N, C-alpha and C. Protein backbone atom coordinates (compact mmCIF):
# COMPACT_ATOMS: atom_id res chain seq x y z
N MET A 1 38.72 -20.83 -27.20
CA MET A 1 37.78 -20.55 -27.82
C MET A 1 38.13 -19.46 -28.74
N ALA A 2 37.65 -19.16 -30.30
CA ALA A 2 38.34 -18.45 -31.29
C ALA A 2 37.09 -16.85 -31.09
N SER A 3 37.95 -15.91 -31.15
CA SER A 3 37.30 -14.69 -30.46
C SER A 3 36.89 -14.01 -32.15
N ASP A 4 35.61 -12.82 -32.20
CA ASP A 4 34.98 -12.46 -33.23
C ASP A 4 36.45 -11.45 -33.62
N SER A 5 36.82 -11.24 -34.93
CA SER A 5 38.25 -10.68 -34.96
C SER A 5 37.49 -8.91 -35.74
N SER A 6 36.12 -9.29 -36.13
CA SER A 6 35.91 -8.08 -36.99
C SER A 6 34.96 -7.05 -35.84
N THR A 7 34.78 -7.28 -34.74
CA THR A 7 34.49 -6.40 -33.92
C THR A 7 35.49 -6.39 -32.91
N PRO A 8 35.95 -4.65 -32.49
CA PRO A 8 36.89 -4.32 -31.83
C PRO A 8 36.42 -4.77 -30.29
N PRO A 9 37.42 -5.47 -29.37
CA PRO A 9 37.00 -6.09 -27.78
C PRO A 9 36.02 -5.04 -27.10
N ASP A 10 36.24 -3.34 -27.06
CA ASP A 10 35.58 -2.38 -26.57
C ASP A 10 34.37 -2.95 -26.94
N GLU A 11 33.65 -2.84 -28.28
CA GLU A 11 32.66 -2.74 -28.44
C GLU A 11 31.58 -4.16 -28.37
N LYS A 12 32.57 -5.00 -27.80
CA LYS A 12 32.21 -6.50 -27.50
C LYS A 12 30.61 -5.99 -26.19
N LEU A 13 31.57 -5.58 -25.16
CA LEU A 13 31.16 -5.25 -24.23
C LEU A 13 30.45 -4.23 -23.86
N GLY A 14 30.45 -3.45 -25.06
CA GLY A 14 29.31 -2.23 -24.52
C GLY A 14 29.98 -1.47 -23.62
N PRO A 15 29.12 -0.17 -23.93
CA PRO A 15 29.88 0.98 -23.13
C PRO A 15 30.37 0.96 -21.55
N GLU A 16 31.30 1.71 -21.08
CA GLU A 16 31.62 1.49 -20.24
C GLU A 16 30.77 1.84 -18.79
N ARG A 17 30.55 1.28 -17.70
CA ARG A 17 29.59 1.34 -16.78
C ARG A 17 30.50 1.64 -15.46
N THR A 18 29.77 2.23 -14.62
CA THR A 18 30.42 2.55 -12.99
C THR A 18 30.72 1.36 -12.46
N ALA A 19 31.22 1.58 -11.47
CA ALA A 19 31.82 0.25 -10.66
C ALA A 19 30.56 -0.79 -10.07
N ASP A 20 29.71 0.05 -9.86
CA ASP A 20 28.17 -0.54 -8.94
C ASP A 20 27.35 -0.69 -10.26
N GLY A 21 27.66 -0.50 -11.40
CA GLY A 21 26.96 -0.45 -12.62
C GLY A 21 25.51 0.47 -12.71
N HIS A 22 25.33 1.05 -11.91
CA HIS A 22 24.14 2.08 -12.17
C HIS A 22 24.22 2.72 -13.11
N HIS A 23 25.32 3.29 -13.63
CA HIS A 23 25.83 4.27 -14.58
C HIS A 23 26.50 3.95 -15.81
N LEU A 24 26.47 4.41 -17.08
CA LEU A 24 26.96 4.05 -18.17
C LEU A 24 27.91 5.25 -18.44
N ILE A 25 29.09 5.67 -19.06
CA ILE A 25 29.85 6.37 -19.32
C ILE A 25 30.40 6.51 -20.41
N ILE A 26 29.22 7.64 -20.95
CA ILE A 26 29.57 7.49 -22.73
C ILE A 26 29.58 8.88 -22.85
N ASP A 27 30.89 9.39 -23.90
CA ASP A 27 31.85 10.23 -23.77
C ASP A 27 31.84 11.25 -22.68
N GLY A 28 32.44 10.72 -21.85
CA GLY A 28 32.59 11.27 -20.57
C GLY A 28 31.54 11.53 -19.60
N ARG A 29 30.51 11.14 -19.93
CA ARG A 29 28.83 11.51 -19.49
C ARG A 29 28.56 10.28 -18.47
N ARG A 30 28.11 10.41 -17.37
CA ARG A 30 27.37 9.62 -16.65
C ARG A 30 25.89 9.44 -17.57
N TRP A 31 25.43 8.40 -17.65
CA TRP A 31 23.99 8.43 -17.69
C TRP A 31 23.27 6.90 -16.74
N ARG A 32 21.85 7.40 -16.35
CA ARG A 32 21.55 6.20 -15.60
C ARG A 32 21.36 4.98 -16.63
N ALA A 33 21.98 3.74 -16.23
CA ALA A 33 21.62 2.39 -16.85
C ALA A 33 20.33 1.99 -16.83
N THR A 34 19.60 1.73 -17.56
CA THR A 34 18.55 0.37 -17.79
C THR A 34 18.13 -0.15 -16.46
N ASP A 35 17.21 -0.59 -15.56
CA ASP A 35 16.99 -1.75 -14.99
C ASP A 35 17.51 -2.79 -15.52
N PRO A 36 18.34 -3.71 -14.85
CA PRO A 36 18.55 -5.02 -15.45
C PRO A 36 17.69 -6.05 -15.38
N SER A 37 16.98 -5.75 -14.10
CA SER A 37 15.72 -6.76 -13.62
C SER A 37 14.34 -7.04 -14.46
N ILE A 38 14.56 -5.55 -15.53
CA ILE A 38 12.99 -6.12 -16.23
C ILE A 38 13.82 -7.00 -17.27
N PRO A 39 12.39 -7.71 -17.27
CA PRO A 39 12.97 -9.54 -18.43
C PRO A 39 12.99 -9.14 -19.51
N GLU A 40 13.41 -9.63 -20.33
CA GLU A 40 13.87 -9.06 -21.98
C GLU A 40 12.40 -8.40 -22.75
N VAL A 41 12.01 -9.39 -22.31
CA VAL A 41 10.43 -9.24 -23.13
C VAL A 41 10.13 -8.01 -22.96
N PHE A 42 9.57 -7.65 -21.79
CA PHE A 42 9.25 -6.07 -21.56
C PHE A 42 10.74 -5.42 -21.96
N ARG A 43 11.43 -5.13 -21.73
CA ARG A 43 12.49 -4.33 -21.66
C ARG A 43 12.34 -3.79 -23.61
N GLN A 44 12.68 -4.98 -24.62
CA GLN A 44 12.17 -4.47 -25.45
C GLN A 44 11.09 -4.06 -26.22
N GLU A 45 9.95 -4.19 -25.38
CA GLU A 45 8.57 -3.67 -25.23
C GLU A 45 8.65 -1.83 -25.45
N LEU A 46 9.65 -1.61 -23.99
CA LEU A 46 9.90 -0.56 -23.51
C LEU A 46 11.20 0.55 -24.50
N VAL A 47 11.83 -0.50 -24.78
CA VAL A 47 12.89 0.11 -26.04
C VAL A 47 12.08 0.50 -26.89
N ASP A 48 11.34 -0.39 -28.06
CA ASP A 48 10.36 0.12 -29.07
C ASP A 48 9.45 1.47 -28.62
N GLU A 49 9.03 1.53 -27.70
CA GLU A 49 8.01 2.42 -27.39
C GLU A 49 9.16 3.74 -27.63
N LEU A 50 10.02 3.73 -26.70
CA LEU A 50 10.84 4.99 -26.36
C LEU A 50 11.59 5.02 -28.13
N MET A 51 12.26 4.41 -28.71
CA MET A 51 12.10 4.80 -30.20
C MET A 51 11.32 5.47 -31.00
N ALA A 52 9.76 5.38 -30.86
CA ALA A 52 9.02 5.63 -31.63
C ALA A 52 8.49 6.82 -31.16
N ALA A 53 8.53 6.68 -30.00
CA ALA A 53 8.59 8.17 -28.88
C ALA A 53 9.75 9.39 -29.44
N ARG A 54 11.07 8.56 -29.79
CA ARG A 54 11.80 9.84 -30.05
C ARG A 54 11.29 10.04 -31.63
N ARG A 55 11.22 9.39 -32.37
CA ARG A 55 10.89 9.50 -34.09
C ARG A 55 9.33 10.77 -34.07
N ALA A 56 8.34 10.11 -32.68
CA ALA A 56 7.58 11.33 -32.54
C ALA A 56 7.67 12.54 -32.36
N VAL A 57 8.66 12.73 -31.60
CA VAL A 57 9.30 14.23 -31.34
C VAL A 57 10.09 14.98 -32.28
N LYS A 58 10.76 14.05 -33.86
CA LYS A 58 11.33 14.65 -34.64
C LYS A 58 10.46 14.93 -35.33
N THR A 59 8.79 14.59 -35.32
CA THR A 59 7.69 15.47 -36.15
C THR A 59 6.93 16.37 -35.48
N SER A 60 7.15 16.47 -34.08
CA SER A 60 6.66 17.15 -33.47
C SER A 60 4.97 16.57 -33.29
N GLU A 61 5.00 15.80 -32.62
CA GLU A 61 3.98 14.87 -32.79
C GLU A 61 3.49 15.57 -30.94
N VAL A 62 2.14 15.20 -30.76
CA VAL A 62 1.14 15.81 -29.51
C VAL A 62 2.03 14.64 -28.99
N ASP A 63 2.23 15.30 -27.35
CA ASP A 63 2.58 14.56 -26.10
C ASP A 63 3.99 13.32 -26.79
N ALA A 64 4.62 13.48 -27.30
CA ALA A 64 5.59 12.93 -27.76
C ALA A 64 6.77 13.25 -26.41
N ARG A 65 7.09 14.36 -26.15
CA ARG A 65 8.21 14.31 -24.93
C ARG A 65 7.43 13.47 -23.62
N ARG A 66 6.31 13.29 -23.42
CA ARG A 66 5.48 12.79 -22.34
C ARG A 66 6.23 11.34 -22.73
N ARG A 67 5.77 10.69 -24.08
CA ARG A 67 6.39 9.54 -24.34
C ARG A 67 7.46 9.19 -24.08
N VAL A 68 8.62 10.07 -24.75
CA VAL A 68 9.72 9.66 -24.24
C VAL A 68 9.81 9.54 -22.44
N HIS A 69 9.55 10.89 -21.86
CA HIS A 69 9.69 10.48 -20.52
C HIS A 69 9.50 9.14 -19.44
N ASP A 70 8.02 9.15 -20.33
CA ASP A 70 7.36 7.99 -19.74
C ASP A 70 7.91 6.22 -20.04
N ALA A 71 9.11 6.04 -21.38
CA ALA A 71 9.55 4.98 -21.41
C ALA A 71 10.57 5.22 -20.94
N LYS A 72 11.44 6.06 -20.45
CA LYS A 72 12.80 6.51 -19.43
C LYS A 72 12.46 5.82 -18.24
N THR A 73 11.11 6.44 -17.91
CA THR A 73 11.62 6.25 -16.27
C THR A 73 10.74 5.05 -15.75
N ALA A 74 10.25 4.04 -16.89
CA ALA A 74 9.61 3.02 -17.16
C ALA A 74 11.10 2.11 -16.97
N LEU A 75 11.84 2.40 -17.76
CA LEU A 75 13.25 1.53 -17.79
C LEU A 75 14.00 1.59 -16.79
N GLY A 76 13.66 2.81 -16.25
CA GLY A 76 14.57 3.03 -15.31
C GLY A 76 15.08 3.59 -14.99
N GLU A 77 15.79 3.79 -16.27
CA GLU A 77 16.72 5.87 -16.48
C GLU A 77 16.60 7.34 -15.96
N ARG A 78 14.87 7.11 -15.61
CA ARG A 78 14.76 8.55 -15.08
C ARG A 78 14.16 8.23 -13.55
N GLY A 79 13.71 9.18 -13.08
CA GLY A 79 12.83 9.25 -11.36
C GLY A 79 13.44 8.40 -10.69
N ALA A 80 12.99 7.01 -9.71
CA ALA A 80 13.11 7.00 -8.63
C ALA A 80 14.44 5.76 -8.95
N PRO A 81 15.58 5.64 -8.36
CA PRO A 81 16.91 4.91 -9.01
C PRO A 81 16.07 3.62 -8.49
N TRP A 82 16.59 2.71 -9.79
CA TRP A 82 15.67 1.20 -9.75
C TRP A 82 16.50 0.33 -8.62
N TRP A 83 17.77 0.88 -7.63
CA TRP A 83 18.69 -0.16 -7.15
C TRP A 83 18.02 0.45 -5.59
N GLU A 84 17.28 1.08 -5.42
CA GLU A 84 16.94 1.96 -4.18
C GLU A 84 15.30 1.25 -3.97
N ASP A 85 15.04 1.56 -2.84
CA ASP A 85 13.71 0.80 -2.38
C ASP A 85 12.61 0.84 -3.74
N ARG A 86 11.71 0.07 -3.33
CA ARG A 86 10.64 0.32 -4.84
C ARG A 86 9.43 0.44 -3.65
N THR A 87 9.35 1.67 -3.34
CA THR A 87 8.34 2.01 -3.03
C THR A 87 8.21 3.52 -2.75
N GLY A 88 6.51 3.97 -2.45
CA GLY A 88 6.10 5.41 -1.94
C GLY A 88 6.14 6.32 -3.39
N GLY A 89 5.78 7.42 -3.53
CA GLY A 89 5.18 8.23 -4.95
C GLY A 89 6.67 8.29 -5.82
N PRO A 90 7.74 8.00 -5.74
CA PRO A 90 8.46 8.49 -6.86
C PRO A 90 8.63 6.73 -7.51
N PHE A 91 7.91 5.46 -6.54
CA PHE A 91 8.22 4.29 -7.67
C PHE A 91 6.85 4.19 -7.83
N ASP A 92 5.45 4.66 -7.55
CA ASP A 92 4.11 4.98 -7.86
C ASP A 92 4.68 5.08 -9.39
N GLU A 93 5.20 6.09 -9.72
CA GLU A 93 5.15 7.45 -10.68
C GLU A 93 5.97 6.29 -12.08
N ARG A 94 6.87 5.37 -11.64
CA ARG A 94 7.63 4.67 -12.25
C ARG A 94 6.51 3.46 -13.38
N ILE A 95 5.81 3.38 -12.03
CA ILE A 95 4.52 1.61 -12.18
C ILE A 95 4.08 2.58 -13.52
N ALA A 96 3.21 4.04 -13.08
CA ALA A 96 2.67 4.30 -14.36
C ALA A 96 2.35 4.68 -15.39
N ALA A 97 4.29 5.32 -15.56
CA ALA A 97 4.92 5.24 -16.08
C ALA A 97 4.70 4.32 -17.60
N THR A 98 5.03 3.06 -16.57
CA THR A 98 5.35 1.22 -17.20
C THR A 98 3.59 1.11 -17.99
N ILE A 99 2.85 1.57 -17.38
CA ILE A 99 1.57 1.44 -17.79
C ILE A 99 1.41 1.86 -19.08
N ARG A 100 1.83 3.25 -18.91
CA ARG A 100 1.30 4.17 -20.17
C ARG A 100 2.03 3.45 -21.37
N SER A 101 3.44 3.44 -21.01
CA SER A 101 4.18 2.82 -21.77
C SER A 101 4.09 1.96 -22.65
N LEU A 102 3.80 0.27 -21.55
CA LEU A 102 3.10 -0.99 -22.19
C LEU A 102 2.01 -0.09 -23.26
N THR A 103 0.46 -0.18 -22.66
CA THR A 103 -0.37 0.34 -23.34
C THR A 103 -0.07 1.24 -24.59
N ARG A 104 0.73 1.73 -24.77
CA ARG A 104 0.96 2.52 -26.28
C ARG A 104 1.83 1.64 -27.12
N LYS A 105 2.42 0.79 -26.39
CA LYS A 105 3.28 -0.06 -27.29
C LYS A 105 2.35 -1.01 -28.03
N ARG A 106 1.45 -1.38 -26.82
CA ARG A 106 0.01 -2.67 -27.40
C ARG A 106 -0.59 -2.15 -27.88
N GLU A 107 -1.12 -1.01 -28.58
CA GLU A 107 -2.03 -0.05 -29.06
C GLU A 107 -3.13 -1.10 -29.46
N GLN A 108 -3.01 -2.35 -30.63
CA GLN A 108 -3.99 -3.18 -30.63
C GLN A 108 -4.23 -4.45 -29.52
N SER A 109 -3.44 -3.93 -28.38
CA SER A 109 -3.98 -5.02 -27.43
C SER A 109 -3.99 -4.84 -25.97
N SER A 110 -3.96 -5.70 -25.26
CA SER A 110 -3.90 -5.45 -23.56
C SER A 110 -3.06 -5.79 -22.97
N ILE A 111 -2.83 -5.54 -21.74
CA ILE A 111 -1.16 -5.95 -20.52
C ILE A 111 -2.00 -6.13 -19.53
N CYS A 112 -1.48 -6.90 -18.93
CA CYS A 112 -1.87 -7.34 -17.53
C CYS A 112 -1.24 -6.96 -16.67
N PRO A 113 -1.78 -6.42 -15.23
CA PRO A 113 -0.86 -5.99 -14.35
C PRO A 113 0.31 -6.83 -14.08
N SER A 114 0.37 -7.97 -14.07
CA SER A 114 1.67 -8.50 -13.77
C SER A 114 2.34 -8.60 -14.75
N ASP A 115 2.32 -7.77 -15.53
CA ASP A 115 3.03 -8.01 -16.81
C ASP A 115 4.19 -6.03 -16.76
N VAL A 116 3.55 -5.39 -15.67
CA VAL A 116 4.01 -3.71 -15.31
C VAL A 116 4.88 -4.52 -13.93
N ALA A 117 4.12 -5.47 -13.11
CA ALA A 117 4.90 -5.95 -11.79
C ALA A 117 6.29 -6.63 -12.15
N ARG A 118 6.18 -7.24 -13.19
CA ARG A 118 7.79 -7.99 -13.73
C ARG A 118 8.50 -6.92 -14.15
N THR A 119 8.26 -6.08 -14.57
CA THR A 119 8.67 -5.14 -15.36
C THR A 119 9.43 -4.00 -14.24
N VAL A 120 8.97 -3.65 -13.27
CA VAL A 120 9.60 -2.90 -11.87
C VAL A 120 9.68 -3.46 -10.97
N GLY A 121 9.66 -4.79 -10.44
CA GLY A 121 9.45 -5.36 -9.15
C GLY A 121 10.70 -6.37 -9.48
N GLY A 122 11.81 -6.80 -10.35
CA GLY A 122 12.27 -8.08 -10.82
C GLY A 122 11.84 -9.03 -10.11
N GLU A 123 12.57 -10.00 -9.20
CA GLU A 123 12.33 -10.88 -8.53
C GLU A 123 10.80 -11.50 -7.57
N THR A 124 10.84 -9.93 -7.24
CA THR A 124 9.71 -9.65 -6.04
C THR A 124 8.68 -9.24 -6.64
N TRP A 125 8.35 -9.08 -7.87
CA TRP A 125 7.35 -8.67 -8.61
C TRP A 125 5.80 -8.82 -8.08
N ARG A 126 5.89 -10.26 -7.03
CA ARG A 126 4.21 -10.41 -6.49
C ARG A 126 4.33 -9.60 -5.75
N SER A 127 4.87 -8.87 -4.46
CA SER A 127 4.91 -8.57 -3.72
C SER A 127 4.02 -6.85 -4.36
N LEU A 128 4.34 -6.60 -5.38
CA LEU A 128 3.96 -5.29 -6.21
C LEU A 128 2.60 -5.35 -6.68
N MET A 129 1.86 -6.37 -6.66
CA MET A 129 0.29 -6.22 -7.36
C MET A 129 -0.31 -5.64 -6.82
N PRO A 130 -0.32 -5.42 -5.43
CA PRO A 130 -1.34 -4.19 -5.04
C PRO A 130 -1.05 -2.76 -4.91
N ASP A 131 0.28 -2.51 -5.29
CA ASP A 131 0.48 -1.28 -5.52
C ASP A 131 0.40 -1.08 -7.38
N VAL A 132 0.46 -2.41 -8.08
CA VAL A 132 -0.02 -1.67 -9.35
C VAL A 132 -1.50 -2.22 -9.44
N ARG A 133 -2.00 -2.90 -8.71
CA ARG A 133 -3.45 -2.42 -8.75
C ARG A 133 -3.71 -1.14 -8.34
N ARG A 134 -3.56 -0.50 -7.57
CA ARG A 134 -3.70 0.68 -6.99
C ARG A 134 -3.72 2.28 -8.03
N VAL A 135 -2.20 1.63 -8.36
CA VAL A 135 -1.73 2.86 -9.47
C VAL A 135 -2.78 2.97 -10.86
N ALA A 136 -2.88 1.56 -10.96
CA ALA A 136 -3.95 1.25 -12.18
C ALA A 136 -5.17 2.03 -12.12
N ALA A 137 -5.74 1.99 -10.51
CA ALA A 137 -7.02 2.39 -10.57
C ALA A 137 -7.13 4.23 -10.31
N GLU A 138 -5.89 4.60 -10.02
CA GLU A 138 -5.53 6.15 -10.60
C GLU A 138 -6.01 6.64 -12.02
N LEU A 139 -5.22 5.64 -12.72
CA LEU A 139 -4.96 6.07 -14.01
C LEU A 139 -6.34 5.60 -14.70
N ALA A 140 -6.96 4.70 -14.06
CA ALA A 140 -8.19 4.65 -14.62
C ALA A 140 -9.56 5.94 -14.06
N ASP A 141 -9.03 6.31 -12.84
CA ASP A 141 -10.11 7.22 -12.87
C ASP A 141 -9.50 8.92 -13.56
N HIS A 142 -8.81 9.23 -14.21
CA HIS A 142 -8.36 9.80 -15.19
C HIS A 142 -8.25 9.91 -16.22
N ASP A 143 -8.93 8.43 -16.81
CA ASP A 143 -9.45 8.03 -17.99
C ASP A 143 -7.99 7.85 -19.04
N GLU A 144 -6.89 7.53 -17.89
CA GLU A 144 -5.49 7.31 -18.85
C GLU A 144 -5.77 5.78 -19.42
N ILE A 145 -6.30 4.82 -18.70
CA ILE A 145 -6.96 3.56 -19.40
C ILE A 145 -7.72 3.18 -18.79
N VAL A 146 -8.37 1.36 -19.55
CA VAL A 146 -9.48 1.49 -18.93
C VAL A 146 -9.01 -0.01 -18.69
N VAL A 147 -9.74 -0.69 -17.86
CA VAL A 147 -9.59 -2.17 -17.01
C VAL A 147 -10.75 -2.63 -16.89
N THR A 148 -10.37 -4.24 -17.92
CA THR A 148 -11.55 -4.87 -18.66
C THR A 148 -11.07 -6.19 -17.92
N GLN A 149 -12.56 -7.12 -17.72
CA GLN A 149 -12.81 -8.22 -17.29
C GLN A 149 -13.74 -9.18 -18.39
N LYS A 150 -12.97 -9.70 -18.83
CA LYS A 150 -13.81 -10.48 -20.02
C LYS A 150 -14.56 -9.93 -20.78
N GLY A 151 -13.40 -8.96 -21.40
CA GLY A 151 -13.86 -7.80 -22.33
C GLY A 151 -14.75 -6.23 -21.66
N ARG A 152 -14.87 -6.44 -20.70
CA ARG A 152 -16.48 -5.50 -20.66
C ARG A 152 -15.16 -4.57 -19.34
N PRO A 153 -15.30 -3.13 -18.98
CA PRO A 153 -14.93 -2.49 -18.60
C PRO A 153 -15.15 -2.73 -16.94
N VAL A 154 -14.86 -2.35 -16.48
CA VAL A 154 -14.53 -2.85 -14.57
C VAL A 154 -14.09 -1.56 -13.70
N SER A 155 -14.13 -1.65 -12.84
CA SER A 155 -13.32 -1.15 -11.85
C SER A 155 -12.40 -2.21 -11.16
N ILE A 156 -11.29 -1.77 -11.45
CA ILE A 156 -9.94 -2.78 -10.58
C ILE A 156 -10.32 -2.75 -9.30
N ARG A 157 -10.77 -1.83 -8.60
CA ARG A 157 -11.26 -1.47 -7.23
C ARG A 157 -12.12 -2.82 -6.63
N GLU A 158 -12.89 -3.27 -7.72
CA GLU A 158 -13.47 -4.20 -7.10
C GLU A 158 -13.78 -5.68 -8.00
N ALA A 159 -13.38 -4.96 -9.06
CA ALA A 159 -12.64 -6.39 -9.70
C ALA A 159 -11.96 -7.55 -8.77
N ARG A 160 -12.77 -9.22 -8.72
CA ARG A 160 -11.64 -9.78 -8.56
C ARG A 160 -11.40 -11.05 -9.65
N GLY A 161 -9.95 -11.47 -9.51
CA GLY A 161 -9.59 -11.91 -10.82
C GLY A 161 -8.50 -11.72 -11.47
N PRO A 162 -8.00 -12.29 -12.38
CA PRO A 162 -7.59 -11.41 -13.76
C PRO A 162 -8.43 -10.53 -14.24
N VAL A 163 -7.68 -9.28 -14.52
CA VAL A 163 -7.81 -8.34 -15.44
C VAL A 163 -7.01 -7.78 -17.00
N ARG A 164 -7.26 -7.41 -17.71
CA ARG A 164 -6.37 -6.78 -18.44
C ARG A 164 -6.44 -4.91 -18.58
N ILE A 165 -5.73 -4.10 -18.91
CA ILE A 165 -5.51 -3.00 -19.26
C ILE A 165 -5.50 -2.47 -20.65
N ILE A 166 -5.79 -1.84 -20.90
CA ILE A 166 -6.17 -1.02 -22.70
C ILE A 166 -6.06 0.48 -22.24
N ARG A 167 -5.08 0.64 -23.49
CA ARG A 167 -5.59 2.71 -23.60
C ARG A 167 -6.80 3.11 -23.22
N GLY A 168 -6.65 4.34 -22.94
CA GLY A 168 -7.84 4.84 -22.14
C GLY A 168 -8.00 5.92 -23.28
N PRO A 169 -8.72 7.03 -23.13
CA PRO A 169 -8.71 7.91 -24.21
C PRO A 169 -8.02 9.10 -24.19
N LYS A 170 -7.55 9.58 -22.97
CA LYS A 170 -6.28 10.14 -22.51
C LYS A 170 -5.18 10.05 -22.57
N ILE A 171 -4.87 9.05 -22.92
CA ILE A 171 -3.30 8.77 -23.16
C ILE A 171 -2.78 9.19 -24.56
């Protein structure tokens, strides 16, 4: 197989990684790698939100730094390490950050709780659905999101069946 001679071999492989794959080495510094279990479609949405948030920082938009933090946490680059146990308060913050980031990215649309579970849960995402619903209920209590069913606001604690999540007034 012929190689592409226009790209140096090192650039084809991307940044150097630590032996365990958890960190990238860039200019001699270690940076936490993105969680490799995030499905590509959701990873791209989070990266797009991160880039929009970074542009917002440059223009001094309100909450821009929180948006950056949420996107990086959702990607697994901050907060609870993605290679450790996916439970507890620090992991709940990753769920919340993912909900906030995806609802910001889909400003004209909604997300499904399973989108969040798939983003943070890897192959075991189904077992995280109760946690995602619980964290979504807490965000809804603070008006950060609105949970809907058939287009109408509902309490995710009481709703049975599929629900959707949209941005709330305080996000």
